[in-house]
Amino acid sequence: MAFDEILAGLIRTLLVDEADVTEKRMFGGLAFLVAGHMAVAATSGGVMVRTAPSEANAPYFAHAEPMVMRGRELAGWLLLPAESVTDDDTLAAVVEHGRAFTRTLPAK
């Protein structure tokens, strides 16, 4: 399955001024890594975002589901369906959330 190129472009635009951001194709999508840690990804199903479980109740995560790969739930990851991040403000909040959380992780 291909990821949403338009969504990936929007995420890229939101992270353009962030230091130490790299892109990597993984999990069937395009991941955006901040300081070597995956923060957010454009996937075929929407936006995959890294978060602390305690922060999963943020308003922009209202339609999010736990990220599941090969039948296993990935702790600390949510999947937002593409239709739930159609407005710029929601996408910006989600990307910023993933970026900010990733910046709290130890350096690689």
PDB file of N, CA and C in Angstrom:
ATOM      1  N   MET A   1       0.834  -1.194   0.000  1.00  0.00           N
ATOM      2  CA  MET A   1       0.000   0.000   0.000  1.00  0.00           C
ATOM      3  C   MET A   1       0.871   1.247   0.000  1.00  0.00           C
ATOM      4  N   ALA A   2       0.451   2.198  -0.760  1.00  0.00           N
ATOM      5  CA  ALA A   2       1.195   3.461  -0.826  1.00  0.00           C
ATOM      6  C   ALA A   2       0.674   4.427   0.242  1.00  0.00           C
ATOM      7  N   PHE A   3       1.575   5.262   0.724  1.00  0.00           N
ATOM      8  CA  PHE A   3       1.153   6.281   1.692  1.00  0.00           C
ATOM      9  C   PHE A   3       0.634   7.489   0.933  1.00  0.00           C
ATOM     10  N   ASP A   4      -0.019   8.367   1.636  1.00  0.00           N
ATOM     11  CA  ASP A   4      -0.601   9.576   1.060  1.00  0.00           C
ATOM     12  C   ASP A   4       0.502  10.618   0.857  1.00  0.00           C
ATOM     13  N   GLU A   5       0.885  10.834  -0.398  1.00  0.00           N
ATOM     14  CA  GLU A   5       1.968  11.775  -0.736  1.00  0.00           C
ATOM     15  C   GLU A   5       1.613  13.210  -0.353  1.00  0.00           C
ATOM     16  N   ILE A   6       0.364  13.575  -0.497  1.00  0.00           N
ATOM     17  CA  ILE A   6      -0.059  14.938  -0.155  1.00  0.00           C
ATOM     18  C   ILE A   6       0.062  15.148   1.352  1.00  0.00           C
ATOM     19  N   LEU A   7      -0.398  14.171   2.113  1.00  0.00           N
ATOM     20  CA  LEU A   7      -0.282  14.246   3.571  1.00  0.00           C
ATOM     21  C   LEU A   7       1.189  14.313   3.985  1.00  0.00           C
ATOM     22  N   ALA A   8       2.029  13.515   3.361  1.00  0.00           N
ATOM     23  CA  ALA A   8       3.470  13.544   3.662  1.00  0.00           C
ATOM     24  C   ALA A   8       4.050  14.924   3.363  1.00  0.00           C
ATOM     25  N   GLY A   9       3.622  15.537   2.274  1.00  0.00           N
ATOM     26  CA  GLY A   9       4.093  16.876   1.931  1.00  0.00           C
ATOM     27  C   GLY A   9       3.668  17.923   2.955  1.00  0.00           C
ATOM     28  N   LEU A  10       2.457  17.787   3.456  1.00  0.00           N
ATOM     29  CA  LEU A  10       1.977  18.724   4.478  1.00  0.00           C
ATOM     30  C   LEU A  10       2.774  18.559   5.773  1.00  0.00           C
ATOM     31  N   ILE A  11       3.051  17.323   6.146  1.00  0.00           N
ATOM     32  CA  ILE A  11       3.857  17.079   7.349  1.00  0.00           C
ATOM     33  C   ILE A  11       5.258  17.648   7.154  1.00  0.00           C
ATOM     34  N   ARG A  12       5.828  17.404   5.991  1.00  0.00           N
ATOM     35  CA  ARG A  12       7.174  17.920   5.673  1.00  0.00           C
ATOM     36  C   ARG A  12       7.205  19.439   5.826  1.00  0.00           C
ATOM     37  N   THR A  13       6.185  20.114   5.326  1.00  0.00           N
ATOM     38  CA  THR A  13       6.103  21.572   5.415  1.00  0.00           C
ATOM     39  C   THR A  13       6.063  22.036   6.876  1.00  0.00           C
ATOM     40  N   LEU A  14       5.357  21.290   7.712  1.00  0.00           N
ATOM     41  CA  LEU A  14       5.253  21.656   9.126  1.00  0.00           C
ATOM     42  C   LEU A  14       6.570  21.450   9.876  1.00  0.00           C
ATOM     43  N   LEU A  15       7.424  20.575   9.375  1.00  0.00           N
ATOM     44  CA  LEU A  15       8.689  20.281  10.048  1.00  0.00           C
ATOM     45  C   LEU A  15       9.900  20.920   9.376  1.00  0.00           C
ATOM     46  N   VAL A  16       9.685  21.701   8.344  1.00  0.00           N
ATOM     47  CA  VAL A  16      10.783  22.240   7.549  1.00  0.00           C
ATOM     48  C   VAL A  16      11.775  23.060   8.372  1.00  0.00           C
ATOM     49  N   ASP A  17      11.321  23.778   9.371  1.00  0.00           N
ATOM     50  CA  ASP A  17      12.211  24.621  10.170  1.00  0.00           C
ATOM     51  C   ASP A  17      12.793  23.911  11.392  1.00  0.00           C
ATOM     52  N   GLU A  18      12.408  22.669  11.595  1.00  0.00           N
ATOM     53  CA  GLU A  18      12.876  21.891  12.746  1.00  0.00           C
ATOM     54  C   GLU A  18      14.278  21.343  12.455  1.00  0.00           C
ATOM     55  N   ALA A  19      15.164  21.482  13.429  1.00  0.00           N
ATOM     56  CA  ALA A  19      16.527  20.966  13.276  1.00  0.00           C
ATOM     57  C   ALA A  19      16.534  19.443  13.384  1.00  0.00           C
ATOM     58  N   ASP A  20      17.420  18.818  12.638  1.00  0.00           N
ATOM     59  CA  ASP A  20      17.687  17.382  12.743  1.00  0.00           C
ATOM     60  C   ASP A  20      16.480  16.509  12.407  1.00  0.00           C
ATOM     61  N   VAL A  21      15.766  16.839  11.335  1.00  0.00           N
ATOM     62  CA  VAL A  21      14.652  16.028  10.871  1.00  0.00           C
ATOM     63  C   VAL A  21      15.098  15.255   9.640  1.00  0.00           C
ATOM     64  N   THR A  22      14.806  13.964   9.636  1.00  0.00           N
ATOM     65  CA  THR A  22      15.086  13.129   8.473  1.00  0.00           C
ATOM     66  C   THR A  22      13.820  12.379   8.100  1.00  0.00           C
ATOM     67  N   GLU A  23      13.778  11.935   6.875  1.00  0.00           N
ATOM     68  CA  GLU A  23      12.650  11.154   6.384  1.00  0.00           C
ATOM     69  C   GLU A  23      13.144   9.759   6.051  1.00  0.00           C
ATOM     70  N   LYS A  24      12.281   8.778   6.307  1.00  0.00           N
ATOM     71  CA  LYS A  24      12.650   7.402   6.025  1.00  0.00           C
ATOM     72  C   LYS A  24      11.397   6.610   5.686  1.00  0.00           C
ATOM     73  N   ARG A  25      11.461   5.867   4.600  1.00  0.00           N
ATOM     74  CA  ARG A  25      10.337   4.992   4.262  1.00  0.00           C
ATOM     75  C   ARG A  25      10.373   3.791   5.194  1.00  0.00           C
ATOM     76  N   MET A  26       9.283   3.606   5.898  1.00  0.00           N
ATOM     77  CA  MET A  26       9.169   2.460   6.796  1.00  0.00           C
ATOM     78  C   MET A  26       7.711   2.195   7.114  1.00  0.00           C
ATOM     79  N   PHE A  27       7.400   0.969   7.470  1.00  0.00           N
ATOM     80  CA  PHE A  27       6.038   0.558   7.825  1.00  0.00           C
ATOM     81  C   PHE A  27       5.031   0.878   6.723  1.00  0.00           C
ATOM     82  N   GLY A  28       5.464   0.865   5.481  1.00  0.00           N
ATOM     83  CA  GLY A  28       4.567   1.161   4.375  1.00  0.00           C
ATOM     84  C   GLY A  28       4.217   2.628   4.255  1.00  0.00           C
ATOM     85  N   GLY A  29       4.948   3.475   4.938  1.00  0.00           N
ATOM     86  CA  GLY A  29       4.680   4.904   4.908  1.00  0.00           C
ATOM     87  C   GLY A  29       5.956   5.705   4.848  1.00  0.00           C
ATOM     88  N   LEU A  30       5.843   6.980   5.082  1.00  0.00           N
ATOM     89  CA  LEU A  30       6.992   7.862   5.137  1.00  0.00           C
ATOM     90  C   LEU A  30       7.071   8.426   6.546  1.00  0.00           C
ATOM     91  N   ALA A  31       8.124   8.012   7.265  1.00  0.00           N
ATOM     92  CA  ALA A  31       8.308   8.439   8.651  1.00  0.00           C
ATOM     93  C   ALA A  31       9.169   9.685   8.705  1.00  0.00           C
ATOM     94  N   PHE A  32       8.876  10.522   9.676  1.00  0.00           N
ATOM     95  CA  PHE A  32       9.667  11.723   9.936  1.00  0.00           C
ATOM     96  C   PHE A  32      10.324  11.522  11.285  1.00  0.00           C
ATOM     97  N   LEU A  33      11.649  11.493  11.272  1.00  0.00           N
ATOM     98  CA  LEU A  33      12.423  11.268  12.481  1.00  0.00           C
ATOM     99  C   LEU A  33      12.991  12.589  12.976  1.00  0.00           C
ATOM    100  N   VAL A  34      12.905  12.801  14.261  1.00  0.00           N
ATOM    101  CA  VAL A  34      13.449  13.991  14.894  1.00  0.00           C
ATOM    102  C   VAL A  34      14.577  13.516  15.806  1.00  0.00           C
ATOM    103  N   ALA A  35      15.786  13.964  15.507  1.00  0.00           N
ATOM    104  CA  ALA A  35      16.971  13.551  16.271  1.00  0.00           C
ATOM    105  C   ALA A  35      17.086  12.028  16.325  1.00  0.00           C
ATOM    106  N   GLY A  36      16.720  11.378  15.227  1.00  0.00           N
ATOM    107  CA  GLY A  36      16.856   9.934  15.131  1.00  0.00           C
ATOM    108  C   GLY A  36      15.688   9.127  15.656  1.00  0.00           C
ATOM    109  N   HIS A  37      14.705   9.764  16.269  1.00  0.00           N
ATOM    110  CA  HIS A  37      13.522   9.086  16.796  1.00  0.00           C
ATOM    111  C   HIS A  37      12.331   9.354  15.890  1.00  0.00           C
ATOM    112  N   MET A  38      11.586   8.313  15.575  1.00  0.00           N
ATOM    113  CA  MET A  38      10.396   8.483  14.754  1.00  0.00           C
ATOM    114  C   MET A  38       9.357   9.273  15.542  1.00  0.00           C
ATOM    115  N   ALA A  39       8.868  10.360  14.957  1.00  0.00           N
ATOM    116  CA  ALA A  39       7.909  11.235  15.632  1.00  0.00           C
ATOM    117  C   ALA A  39       6.512  11.121  15.035  1.00  0.00           C
ATOM    118  N   VAL A  40       6.451  11.068  13.715  1.00  0.00           N
ATOM    119  CA  VAL A  40       5.174  11.060  13.009  1.00  0.00           C
ATOM    120  C   VAL A  40       5.407  10.420  11.642  1.00  0.00           C
ATOM    121  N   ALA A  41       4.351   9.835  11.081  1.00  0.00           N
ATOM    122  CA  ALA A  41       4.480   9.221   9.767  1.00  0.00           C
ATOM    123  C   ALA A  41       3.187   9.365   8.979  1.00  0.00           C
ATOM    124  N   ALA A  42       3.346   9.531   7.684  1.00  0.00           N
ATOM    125  CA  ALA A  42       2.210   9.483   6.769  1.00  0.00           C
ATOM    126  C   ALA A  42       2.096   8.035   6.323  1.00  0.00           C
ATOM    127  N   THR A  43       0.943   7.428   6.542  1.00  0.00           N
ATOM    128  CA  THR A  43       0.734   6.032   6.164  1.00  0.00           C
ATOM    129  C   THR A  43      -0.448   5.941   5.212  1.00  0.00           C
ATOM    130  N   SER A  44      -0.712   4.754   4.741  1.00  0.00           N
ATOM    131  CA  SER A  44      -1.873   4.570   3.873  1.00  0.00           C
ATOM    132  C   SER A  44      -3.168   4.765   4.650  1.00  0.00           C
ATOM    133  N   GLY A  45      -3.114   4.606   5.986  1.00  0.00           N
ATOM    134  CA  GLY A  45      -4.316   4.742   6.802  1.00  0.00           C
ATOM    135  C   GLY A  45      -4.516   6.105   7.423  1.00  0.00           C
ATOM    136  N   GLY A  46      -3.514   6.971   7.339  1.00  0.00           N
ATOM    137  CA  GLY A  46      -3.623   8.295   7.951  1.00  0.00           C
ATOM    138  C   GLY A  46      -2.303   8.739   8.525  1.00  0.00           C
ATOM    139  N   VAL A  47      -2.340   9.248   9.750  1.00  0.00           N
ATOM    140  CA  VAL A  47      -1.151   9.774  10.412  1.00  0.00           C
ATOM    141  C   VAL A  47      -0.856   8.926  11.649  1.00  0.00           C
ATOM    142  N   MET A  48       0.356   8.423  11.710  1.00  0.00           N
ATOM    143  CA  MET A  48       0.833   7.688  12.871  1.00  0.00           C
ATOM    144  C   MET A  48       1.648   8.679  13.689  1.00  0.00           C
ATOM    145  N   VAL A  49       1.349   8.784  14.992  1.00  0.00           N
ATOM    146  CA  VAL A  49       2.021   9.787  15.819  1.00  0.00           C
ATOM    147  C   VAL A  49       2.470   9.173  17.141  1.00  0.00           C
ATOM    148  N   ARG A  50       3.628   9.602  17.578  1.00  0.00           N
ATOM    149  CA  ARG A  50       4.181   9.134  18.843  1.00  0.00           C
ATOM    150  C   ARG A  50       3.664   9.999  19.982  1.00  0.00           C
ATOM    151  N   THR A  51       3.309   9.340  21.095  1.00  0.00           N
ATOM    152  CA  THR A  51       2.776  10.069  22.230  1.00  0.00           C
ATOM    153  C   THR A  51       2.969   9.276  23.513  1.00  0.00           C
ATOM    154  N   ALA A  52       2.919   9.956  24.612  1.00  0.00           N
ATOM    155  CA  ALA A  52       2.881   9.277  25.905  1.00  0.00           C
ATOM    156  C   ALA A  52       1.449   8.801  26.116  1.00  0.00           C
ATOM    157  N   PRO A  53       1.254   7.600  26.644  1.00  0.00           N
ATOM    158  CA  PRO A  53      -0.118   7.121  26.868  1.00  0.00           C
ATOM    159  C   PRO A  53      -0.966   8.107  27.677  1.00  0.00           C
ATOM    160  N   SER A  54      -0.358   8.827  28.590  1.00  0.00           N
ATOM    161  CA  SER A  54      -1.100   9.783  29.414  1.00  0.00           C
ATOM    162  C   SER A  54      -1.582  10.995  28.625  1.00  0.00           C
ATOM    163  N   GLU A  55      -1.049  11.205  27.430  1.00  0.00           N
ATOM    164  CA  GLU A  55      -1.429  12.363  26.616  1.00  0.00           C
ATOM    165  C   GLU A  55      -2.373  12.003  25.476  1.00  0.00           C
ATOM    166  N   ALA A  56      -2.816  10.768  25.430  1.00  0.00           N
ATOM    167  CA  ALA A  56      -3.648  10.300  24.329  1.00  0.00           C
ATOM    168  C   ALA A  56      -5.066  10.861  24.352  1.00  0.00           C
ATOM    169  N   ASN A  57      -5.404  11.627  25.371  1.00  0.00           N
ATOM    170  CA  ASN A  57      -6.752  12.210  25.446  1.00  0.00           C
ATOM    171  C   ASN A  57      -6.801  13.653  24.957  1.00  0.00           C
ATOM    172  N   ALA A  58      -5.744  14.120  24.306  1.00  0.00           N
ATOM    173  CA  ALA A  58      -5.744  15.483  23.756  1.00  0.00           C
ATOM    174  C   ALA A  58      -6.886  15.614  22.747  1.00  0.00           C
ATOM    175  N   PRO A  59      -7.488  16.786  22.638  1.00  0.00           N
ATOM    176  CA  PRO A  59      -8.652  16.964  21.759  1.00  0.00           C
ATOM    177  C   PRO A  59      -8.413  16.540  20.308  1.00  0.00           C
ATOM    178  N   TYR A  60      -7.219  16.775  19.785  1.00  0.00           N
ATOM    179  CA  TYR A  60      -6.957  16.414  18.393  1.00  0.00           C
ATOM    180  C   TYR A  60      -6.798  14.908  18.199  1.00  0.00           C
ATOM    181  N   PHE A  61      -6.806  14.139  19.283  1.00  0.00           N
ATOM    182  CA  PHE A  61      -6.756  12.681  19.192  1.00  0.00           C
ATOM    183  C   PHE A  61      -8.145  12.053  19.348  1.00  0.00           C
ATOM    184  N   ALA A  62      -9.190  12.840  19.235  1.00  0.00           N
ATOM    185  CA  ALA A  62     -10.554  12.350  19.449  1.00  0.00           C
ATOM    186  C   ALA A  62     -10.892  11.142  18.581  1.00  0.00           C
ATOM    187  N   HIS A  63     -10.375  11.081  17.369  1.00  0.00           N
ATOM    188  CA  HIS A  63     -10.695   9.984  16.453  1.00  0.00           C
ATOM    189  C   HIS A  63      -9.547   8.986  16.316  1.00  0.00           C
ATOM    190  N   ALA A  64      -8.553   9.111  17.158  1.00  0.00           N
ATOM    191  CA  ALA A  64      -7.375   8.240  17.068  1.00  0.00           C
ATOM    192  C   ALA A  64      -7.664   6.860  17.634  1.00  0.00           C
ATOM    193  N   GLU A  65      -6.918   5.908  17.119  1.00  0.00           N
ATOM    194  CA  GLU A  65      -6.974   4.534  17.598  1.00  0.00           C
ATOM    195  C   GLU A  65      -5.558   4.105  17.934  1.00  0.00           C
ATOM    196  N   PRO A  66      -5.410   3.137  18.816  1.00  0.00           N
ATOM    197  CA  PRO A  66      -4.060   2.623  19.053  1.00  0.00           C
ATOM    198  C   PRO A  66      -3.491   2.063  17.742  1.00  0.00           C
ATOM    199  N   MET A  67      -2.223   2.272  17.515  1.00  0.00           N
ATOM    200  CA  MET A  67      -1.575   1.747  16.318  1.00  0.00           C
ATOM    201  C   MET A  67      -1.367   0.252  16.501  1.00  0.00           C
ATOM    202  N   VAL A  68      -1.809  -0.533  15.524  1.00  0.00           N
ATOM    203  CA  VAL A  68      -1.670  -1.986  15.567  1.00  0.00           C
ATOM    204  C   VAL A  68      -0.899  -2.424  14.338  1.00  0.00           C
ATOM    205  N   MET A  69       0.142  -3.211  14.562  1.00  0.00           N
ATOM    206  CA  MET A  69       0.929  -3.781  13.464  1.00  0.00           C
ATOM    207  C   MET A  69       1.044  -5.282  13.678  1.00  0.00           C
ATOM    208  N   ARG A  70       0.697  -6.016  12.647  1.00  0.00           N
ATOM    209  CA  ARG A  70       0.759  -7.481  12.702  1.00  0.00           C
ATOM    210  C   ARG A  70       0.036  -8.034  13.916  1.00  0.00           C
ATOM    211  N   GLY A  71      -1.098  -7.432  14.230  1.00  0.00           N
ATOM    212  CA  GLY A  71      -1.932  -7.906  15.314  1.00  0.00           C
ATOM    213  C   GLY A  71      -1.509  -7.466  16.703  1.00  0.00           C
ATOM    214  N   ARG A  72      -0.446  -6.664  16.792  1.00  0.00           N
ATOM    215  CA  ARG A  72       0.028  -6.216  18.104  1.00  0.00           C
ATOM    216  C   ARG A  72      -0.104  -4.704  18.222  1.00  0.00           C
ATOM    217  N   GLU A  73      -0.614  -4.272  19.365  1.00  0.00           N
ATOM    218  CA  GLU A  73      -0.746  -2.841  19.626  1.00  0.00           C
ATOM    219  C   GLU A  73       0.617  -2.271  19.993  1.00  0.00           C
ATOM    220  N   LEU A  74       0.964  -1.143  19.372  1.00  0.00           N
ATOM    221  CA  LEU A  74       2.236  -0.487  19.652  1.00  0.00           C
ATOM    222  C   LEU A  74       2.029   0.557  20.747  1.00  0.00           C
ATOM    223  N   ALA A  75       2.620   0.329  21.884  1.00  0.00           N
ATOM    224  CA  ALA A  75       2.500   1.273  22.998  1.00  0.00           C
ATOM    225  C   ALA A  75       3.151   2.602  22.622  1.00  0.00           C
ATOM    226  N   GLY A  76       2.466   3.679  22.931  1.00  0.00           N
ATOM    227  CA  GLY A  76       3.012   5.004  22.659  1.00  0.00           C
ATOM    228  C   GLY A  76       2.786   5.500  21.245  1.00  0.00           C
ATOM    229  N   TRP A  77       1.956   4.805  20.482  1.00  0.00           N
ATOM    230  CA  TRP A  77       1.670   5.213  19.106  1.00  0.00           C
ATOM    231  C   TRP A  77       0.171   5.231  18.871  1.00  0.00           C
ATOM    232  N   LEU A  78      -0.287   6.253  18.160  1.00  0.00           N
ATOM    233  CA  LEU A  78      -1.692   6.353  17.766  1.00  0.00           C
ATOM    234  C   LEU A  78      -1.776   6.489  16.260  1.00  0.00           C
ATOM    235  N   LEU A  79      -2.894   6.049  15.718  1.00  0.00           N
ATOM    236  CA  LEU A  79      -3.178   6.224  14.294  1.00  0.00           C
ATOM    237  C   LEU A  79      -4.421   7.079  14.155  1.00  0.00           C
ATOM    238  N   LEU A  80      -4.261   8.187  13.459  1.00  0.00           N
ATOM    239  CA  LEU A  80      -5.401   9.056  13.173  1.00  0.00           C
ATOM    240  C   LEU A  80      -5.799   8.836  11.725  1.00  0.00           C
ATOM    241  N   PRO A  81      -7.039   8.438  11.483  1.00  0.00           N
ATOM    242  CA  PRO A  81      -7.487   8.263  10.112  1.00  0.00           C
ATOM    243  C   PRO A  81      -7.326   9.570   9.322  1.00  0.00           C
ATOM    244  N   ALA A  82      -7.006   9.451   8.058  1.00  0.00           N
ATOM    245  CA  ALA A  82      -6.759  10.629   7.224  1.00  0.00           C
ATOM    246  C   ALA A  82      -7.917  11.621   7.280  1.00  0.00           C
ATOM    247  N   GLU A  83      -9.139  11.119   7.336  1.00  0.00           N
ATOM    248  CA  GLU A  83     -10.299  12.023   7.348  1.00  0.00           C
ATOM    249  C   GLU A  83     -10.421  12.812   8.652  1.00  0.00           C
ATOM    250  N   SER A  84      -9.673  12.424   9.682  1.00  0.00           N
ATOM    251  CA  SER A  84      -9.739  13.172  10.944  1.00  0.00           C
ATOM    252  C   SER A  84      -8.681  14.271  11.038  1.00  0.00           C
ATOM    253  N   VAL A  85      -7.806  14.354  10.051  1.00  0.00           N
ATOM    254  CA  VAL A  85      -6.772  15.403  10.045  1.00  0.00           C
ATOM    255  C   VAL A  85      -6.828  16.206   8.748  1.00  0.00           C
ATOM    256  N   THR A  86      -8.041  16.532   8.337  1.00  0.00           N
ATOM    257  CA  THR A  86      -8.209  17.246   7.077  1.00  0.00           C
ATOM    258  C   THR A  86      -8.002  18.749   7.198  1.00  0.00           C
ATOM    259  N   ASP A  87      -8.109  19.301   8.406  1.00  0.00           N
ATOM    260  CA  ASP A  87      -7.878  20.744   8.514  1.00  0.00           C
ATOM    261  C   ASP A  87      -6.442  21.004   8.989  1.00  0.00           C
ATOM    262  N   ASP A  88      -5.906  22.126   8.567  1.00  0.00           N
ATOM    263  CA  ASP A  88      -4.505  22.465   8.834  1.00  0.00           C
ATOM    264  C   ASP A  88      -4.191  22.553  10.323  1.00  0.00           C
ATOM    265  N   ASP A  89      -5.109  23.096  11.106  1.00  0.00           N
ATOM    266  CA  ASP A  89      -4.856  23.265  12.542  1.00  0.00           C
ATOM    267  C   ASP A  89      -4.727  21.927  13.256  1.00  0.00           C
ATOM    268  N   THR A  90      -5.583  20.975  12.906  1.00  0.00           N
ATOM    269  CA  THR A  90      -5.510  19.659  13.541  1.00  0.00           C
ATOM    270  C   THR A  90      -4.214  18.957  13.159  1.00  0.00           C
ATOM    271  N   LEU A  91      -3.875  18.977  11.884  1.00  0.00           N
ATOM    272  CA  LEU A  91      -2.636  18.334  11.447  1.00  0.00           C
ATOM    273  C   LEU A  91      -1.434  18.994  12.114  1.00  0.00           C
ATOM    274  N   ALA A  92      -1.417  20.303  12.189  1.00  0.00           N
ATOM    275  CA  ALA A  92      -0.307  21.013  12.829  1.00  0.00           C
ATOM    276  C   ALA A  92      -0.193  20.626  14.302  1.00  0.00           C
ATOM    277  N   ALA A  93      -1.317  20.499  14.994  1.00  0.00           N
ATOM    278  CA  ALA A  93      -1.294  20.113  16.412  1.00  0.00           C
ATOM    279  C   ALA A  93      -0.769  18.697  16.587  1.00  0.00           C
ATOM    280  N   VAL A  94      -1.181  17.800  15.728  1.00  0.00           N
ATOM    281  CA  VAL A  94      -0.735  16.403  15.809  1.00  0.00           C
ATOM    282  C   VAL A  94       0.760  16.295  15.534  1.00  0.00           C
ATOM    283  N   VAL A  95       1.226  16.958  14.485  1.00  0.00           N
ATOM    284  CA  VAL A  95       2.657  16.923  14.144  1.00  0.00           C
ATOM    285  C   VAL A  95       3.479  17.554  15.256  1.00  0.00           C
ATOM    286  N   GLU A  96       3.021  18.672  15.789  1.00  0.00           N
ATOM    287  CA  GLU A  96       3.734  19.329  16.887  1.00  0.00           C
ATOM    288  C   GLU A  96       3.769  18.432  18.118  1.00  0.00           C
ATOM    289  N   HIS A  97       2.699  17.736  18.380  1.00  0.00           N
ATOM    290  CA  HIS A  97       2.655  16.820  19.513  1.00  0.00           C
ATOM    291  C   HIS A  97       3.726  15.737  19.359  1.00  0.00           C
ATOM    292  N   GLY A  98       3.771  15.102  18.206  1.00  0.00           N
ATOM    293  CA  GLY A  98       4.775  14.072  17.963  1.00  0.00           C
ATOM    294  C   GLY A  98       6.192  14.618  18.043  1.00  0.00           C
ATOM    295  N   ARG A  99       6.398  15.814  17.483  1.00  0.00           N
ATOM    296  CA  ARG A  99       7.719  16.442  17.512  1.00  0.00           C
ATOM    297  C   ARG A  99       8.135  16.744  18.943  1.00  0.00           C
ATOM    298  N   ALA A 100       7.250  17.350  19.701  1.00  0.00           N
ATOM    299  CA  ALA A 100       7.564  17.735  21.078  1.00  0.00           C
ATOM    300  C   ALA A 100       7.827  16.512  21.950  1.00  0.00           C
ATOM    301  N   PHE A 101       7.002  15.489  21.807  1.00  0.00           N
ATOM    302  CA  PHE A 101       7.218  14.284  22.602  1.00  0.00           C
ATOM    303  C   PHE A 101       8.563  13.642  22.263  1.00  0.00           C
ATOM    304  N   THR A 102       8.879  13.564  21.002  1.00  0.00           N
ATOM    305  CA  THR A 102      10.129  12.950  20.568  1.00  0.00           C
ATOM    306  C   THR A 102      11.338  13.714  21.102  1.00  0.00           C
ATOM    307  N   ARG A 103      11.234  15.021  21.199  1.00  0.00           N
ATOM    308  CA  ARG A 103      12.327  15.819  21.742  1.00  0.00           C
ATOM    309  C   ARG A 103      12.608  15.523  23.221  1.00  0.00           C
ATOM    310  N   THR A 104      11.668  14.887  23.910  1.00  0.00           N
ATOM    311  CA  THR A 104      11.885  14.541  25.315  1.00  0.00           C
ATOM    312  C   THR A 104      12.655  13.232  25.487  1.00  0.00           C
ATOM    313  N   LEU A 105      12.838  12.493  24.408  1.00  0.00           N
ATOM    314  CA  LEU A 105      13.512  11.200  24.484  1.00  0.00           C
ATOM    315  C   LEU A 105      15.021  11.371  24.546  1.00  0.00           C
ATOM    316  N   PRO A 106      15.727  10.427  25.140  1.00  0.00           N
ATOM    317  CA  PRO A 106      17.189  10.509  25.187  1.00  0.00           C
ATOM    318  C   PRO A 106      17.788  10.510  23.785  1.00  0.00           C
ATOM    319  N   ALA A 107      18.892  11.182  23.630  1.00  0.00           N
ATOM    320  CA  ALA A 107      19.552  11.252  22.320  1.00  0.00           C
ATOM    321  C   ALA A 107      19.986   9.868  21.867  1.00  0.00           C
ATOM    322  N   LYS A 108      19.964   9.674  20.568  1.00  0.00           N
ATOM    323  CA  LYS A 108      20.420   8.402  19.998  1.00  0.00           C
ATOM    324  C   LYS A 108      21.891   8.504  19.677  1.00  0.00           C
TER     325      LYS A 108
END
